[in-house]
Amino acid sequence: MSYKFSKEDVRQGWFARLKESLSDRLQNLREDNDKDMEPAQTAKKRGQIYEIKRIQKAMNKAESEAQP
């Protein structure tokens, strides 16, 4: 799955709120990942971290393309 955001998306209020929410969620997942967990739980956390980073990368790309 590929994430894509348009120039119009970048200008919307939800975009900034989503970006902030993802940043907070990523921080929480990283803190959880540092805890002692079963291997399956660790793998799940790492997968969630990876997916958030993919979304953030797409958002950053859209922001850079939206700038004049």
N, C-alpha and C. Protein backbone atom coordinates (compact mmCIF):
# COMPACT_ATOMS: atom_id res chain seq x y z
N MET A 1 0.85 -1.18 0.00
CA MET A 1 0.00 0.00 0.00
C MET A 1 0.88 1.23 0.00
N SER A 2 0.50 2.16 -0.81
CA SER A 2 1.24 3.41 -0.93
C SER A 2 0.37 4.56 -0.41
N TYR A 3 0.98 5.44 0.35
CA TYR A 3 0.26 6.59 0.88
C TYR A 3 0.56 7.80 0.01
N LYS A 4 -0.48 8.53 -0.36
CA LYS A 4 -0.29 9.72 -1.17
C LYS A 4 -1.18 10.83 -0.62
N PHE A 5 -0.60 12.00 -0.55
CA PHE A 5 -1.32 13.19 -0.11
C PHE A 5 -1.15 14.26 -1.17
N SER A 6 -2.19 15.02 -1.41
CA SER A 6 -2.14 16.06 -2.43
C SER A 6 -1.71 17.40 -1.82
N LYS A 7 -1.46 18.34 -2.71
CA LYS A 7 -1.13 19.70 -2.26
C LYS A 7 -2.29 20.29 -1.47
N GLU A 8 -3.50 19.95 -1.88
CA GLU A 8 -4.69 20.44 -1.18
C GLU A 8 -4.78 19.83 0.22
N ASP A 9 -4.41 18.57 0.35
CA ASP A 9 -4.41 17.91 1.66
C ASP A 9 -3.51 18.65 2.64
N VAL A 10 -2.35 19.05 2.16
CA VAL A 10 -1.36 19.72 3.02
C VAL A 10 -1.93 21.00 3.62
N ARG A 11 -2.82 21.64 2.90
CA ARG A 11 -3.39 22.92 3.36
C ARG A 11 -4.54 22.75 4.35
N GLN A 12 -5.00 21.54 4.53
CA GLN A 12 -6.15 21.27 5.40
C GLN A 12 -5.71 21.16 6.87
N GLY A 13 -6.60 21.55 7.75
CA GLY A 13 -6.31 21.47 9.18
C GLY A 13 -6.10 20.06 9.68
N TRP A 14 -6.80 19.11 9.10
CA TRP A 14 -6.66 17.73 9.54
C TRP A 14 -5.26 17.18 9.27
N PHE A 15 -4.61 17.72 8.25
CA PHE A 15 -3.27 17.26 7.90
C PHE A 15 -2.29 17.53 9.04
N ALA A 16 -2.31 18.74 9.55
CA ALA A 16 -1.43 19.11 10.66
C ALA A 16 -1.77 18.32 11.92
N ARG A 17 -3.07 18.12 12.16
CA ARG A 17 -3.48 17.35 13.34
C ARG A 17 -3.04 15.90 13.21
N LEU A 18 -3.16 15.33 12.02
CA LEU A 18 -2.73 13.96 11.80
C LEU A 18 -1.23 13.83 11.98
N LYS A 19 -0.49 14.79 11.46
CA LYS A 19 0.96 14.76 11.59
C LYS A 19 1.39 14.78 13.05
N GLU A 20 0.75 15.63 13.83
CA GLU A 20 1.05 15.71 15.26
C GLU A 20 0.67 14.43 15.99
N SER A 21 -0.48 13.90 15.66
CA SER A 21 -0.96 12.67 16.28
C SER A 21 -0.02 11.50 15.96
N LEU A 22 0.42 11.41 14.72
CA LEU A 22 1.34 10.34 14.34
C LEU A 22 2.67 10.47 15.06
N SER A 23 3.14 11.70 15.22
CA SER A 23 4.39 11.93 15.94
C SER A 23 4.28 11.47 17.39
N ASP A 24 3.17 11.81 18.03
CA ASP A 24 2.94 11.38 19.41
C ASP A 24 2.84 9.87 19.51
N ARG A 25 2.11 9.27 18.58
CA ARG A 25 1.94 7.81 18.57
C ARG A 25 3.28 7.12 18.36
N LEU A 26 4.10 7.65 17.47
CA LEU A 26 5.41 7.07 17.21
C LEU A 26 6.28 7.11 18.46
N GLN A 27 6.25 8.22 19.16
CA GLN A 27 7.02 8.34 20.40
C GLN A 27 6.56 7.29 21.42
N ASN A 28 5.25 7.13 21.57
CA ASN A 28 4.72 6.15 22.51
C ASN A 28 5.11 4.73 22.12
N LEU A 29 5.04 4.43 20.84
CA LEU A 29 5.41 3.09 20.37
C LEU A 29 6.90 2.82 20.60
N ARG A 30 7.73 3.82 20.39
CA ARG A 30 9.17 3.65 20.62
C ARG A 30 9.46 3.39 22.10
N GLU A 31 8.75 4.11 22.96
CA GLU A 31 8.92 3.88 24.40
C GLU A 31 8.46 2.48 24.77
N ASP A 32 7.33 2.05 24.23
CA ASP A 32 6.84 0.69 24.49
C ASP A 32 7.81 -0.35 23.96
N ASN A 33 8.41 -0.08 22.82
CA ASN A 33 9.33 -1.02 22.20
C ASN A 33 10.58 -1.23 23.04
N ASP A 34 10.92 -0.24 23.86
CA ASP A 34 12.09 -0.35 24.72
C ASP A 34 11.85 -1.22 25.94
N LYS A 35 10.59 -1.55 26.19
CA LYS A 35 10.24 -2.39 27.34
C LYS A 35 10.46 -3.86 27.01
N ASP A 36 10.56 -4.66 28.05
CA ASP A 36 10.73 -6.10 27.89
C ASP A 36 9.38 -6.72 27.50
N MET A 37 9.33 -7.32 26.30
CA MET A 37 8.10 -7.91 25.80
C MET A 37 8.40 -9.25 25.15
N GLU A 38 7.35 -9.98 24.90
CA GLU A 38 7.46 -11.22 24.14
C GLU A 38 7.88 -10.86 22.71
N PRO A 39 8.56 -11.77 22.02
CA PRO A 39 9.00 -11.50 20.65
C PRO A 39 7.85 -11.10 19.70
N ALA A 40 6.71 -11.72 19.85
CA ALA A 40 5.57 -11.38 18.98
C ALA A 40 5.09 -9.96 19.24
N GLN A 41 5.09 -9.54 20.49
CA GLN A 41 4.68 -8.17 20.81
C GLN A 41 5.69 -7.16 20.28
N THR A 42 6.97 -7.50 20.39
CA THR A 42 8.02 -6.64 19.87
C THR A 42 7.87 -6.49 18.37
N ALA A 43 7.63 -7.59 17.68
CA ALA A 43 7.45 -7.55 16.23
C ALA A 43 6.26 -6.68 15.84
N LYS A 44 5.18 -6.79 16.60
CA LYS A 44 4.00 -5.99 16.32
C LYS A 44 4.31 -4.50 16.48
N LYS A 45 4.98 -4.14 17.56
CA LYS A 45 5.35 -2.73 17.80
C LYS A 45 6.23 -2.22 16.67
N ARG A 46 7.19 -3.03 16.26
CA ARG A 46 8.10 -2.61 15.19
C ARG A 46 7.35 -2.43 13.87
N GLY A 47 6.38 -3.28 13.63
CA GLY A 47 5.55 -3.14 12.43
C GLY A 47 4.73 -1.86 12.46
N GLN A 48 4.19 -1.53 13.63
CA GLN A 48 3.43 -0.30 13.77
C GLN A 48 4.33 0.92 13.58
N ILE A 49 5.52 0.87 14.13
CA ILE A 49 6.49 1.96 13.97
C ILE A 49 6.82 2.14 12.49
N TYR A 50 7.07 1.04 11.81
CA TYR A 50 7.40 1.10 10.39
C TYR A 50 6.28 1.74 9.59
N GLU A 51 5.05 1.36 9.88
CA GLU A 51 3.91 1.88 9.13
C GLU A 51 3.72 3.38 9.37
N ILE A 52 3.87 3.82 10.59
CA ILE A 52 3.75 5.25 10.89
C ILE A 52 4.84 6.03 10.16
N LYS A 53 6.05 5.49 10.14
CA LYS A 53 7.13 6.16 9.45
C LYS A 53 6.87 6.25 7.95
N ARG A 54 6.23 5.26 7.37
CA ARG A 54 5.86 5.30 5.95
C ARG A 54 4.85 6.43 5.69
N ILE A 55 3.88 6.56 6.57
CA ILE A 55 2.88 7.62 6.42
C ILE A 55 3.55 8.99 6.57
N GLN A 56 4.41 9.12 7.57
CA GLN A 56 5.11 10.39 7.78
C GLN A 56 5.98 10.76 6.58
N LYS A 57 6.61 9.77 5.99
CA LYS A 57 7.44 10.02 4.81
C LYS A 57 6.58 10.57 3.66
N ALA A 58 5.42 9.97 3.46
CA ALA A 58 4.51 10.45 2.41
C ALA A 58 4.01 11.86 2.72
N MET A 59 3.75 12.14 3.98
CA MET A 59 3.30 13.47 4.37
C MET A 59 4.40 14.50 4.14
N ASN A 60 5.62 14.16 4.49
CA ASN A 60 6.75 15.07 4.29
C ASN A 60 6.97 15.34 2.81
N LYS A 61 6.82 14.31 2.00
CA LYS A 61 6.97 14.48 0.55
C LYS A 61 5.90 15.43 0.01
N ALA A 62 4.68 15.24 0.45
CA ALA A 62 3.58 16.11 0.00
C ALA A 62 3.83 17.55 0.43
N GLU A 63 4.33 17.74 1.64
CA GLU A 63 4.63 19.10 2.10
C GLU A 63 5.71 19.76 1.26
N SER A 64 6.74 19.02 0.93
CA SER A 64 7.83 19.61 0.14
C SER A 64 7.37 19.91 -1.28
N GLU A 65 6.49 19.08 -1.82
CA GLU A 65 5.97 19.33 -3.17
C GLU A 65 4.96 20.48 -3.20
N ALA A 66 4.34 20.75 -2.07
CA ALA A 66 3.33 21.81 -2.01
C ALA A 66 3.94 23.20 -1.86
N GLN A 67 5.20 23.25 -1.48
CA GLN A 67 5.84 24.55 -1.30
C GLN A 67 6.14 25.17 -2.66
N PRO A 68 5.93 26.48 -2.75
CA PRO A 68 6.16 27.18 -4.04
C PRO A 68 7.61 27.21 -4.44
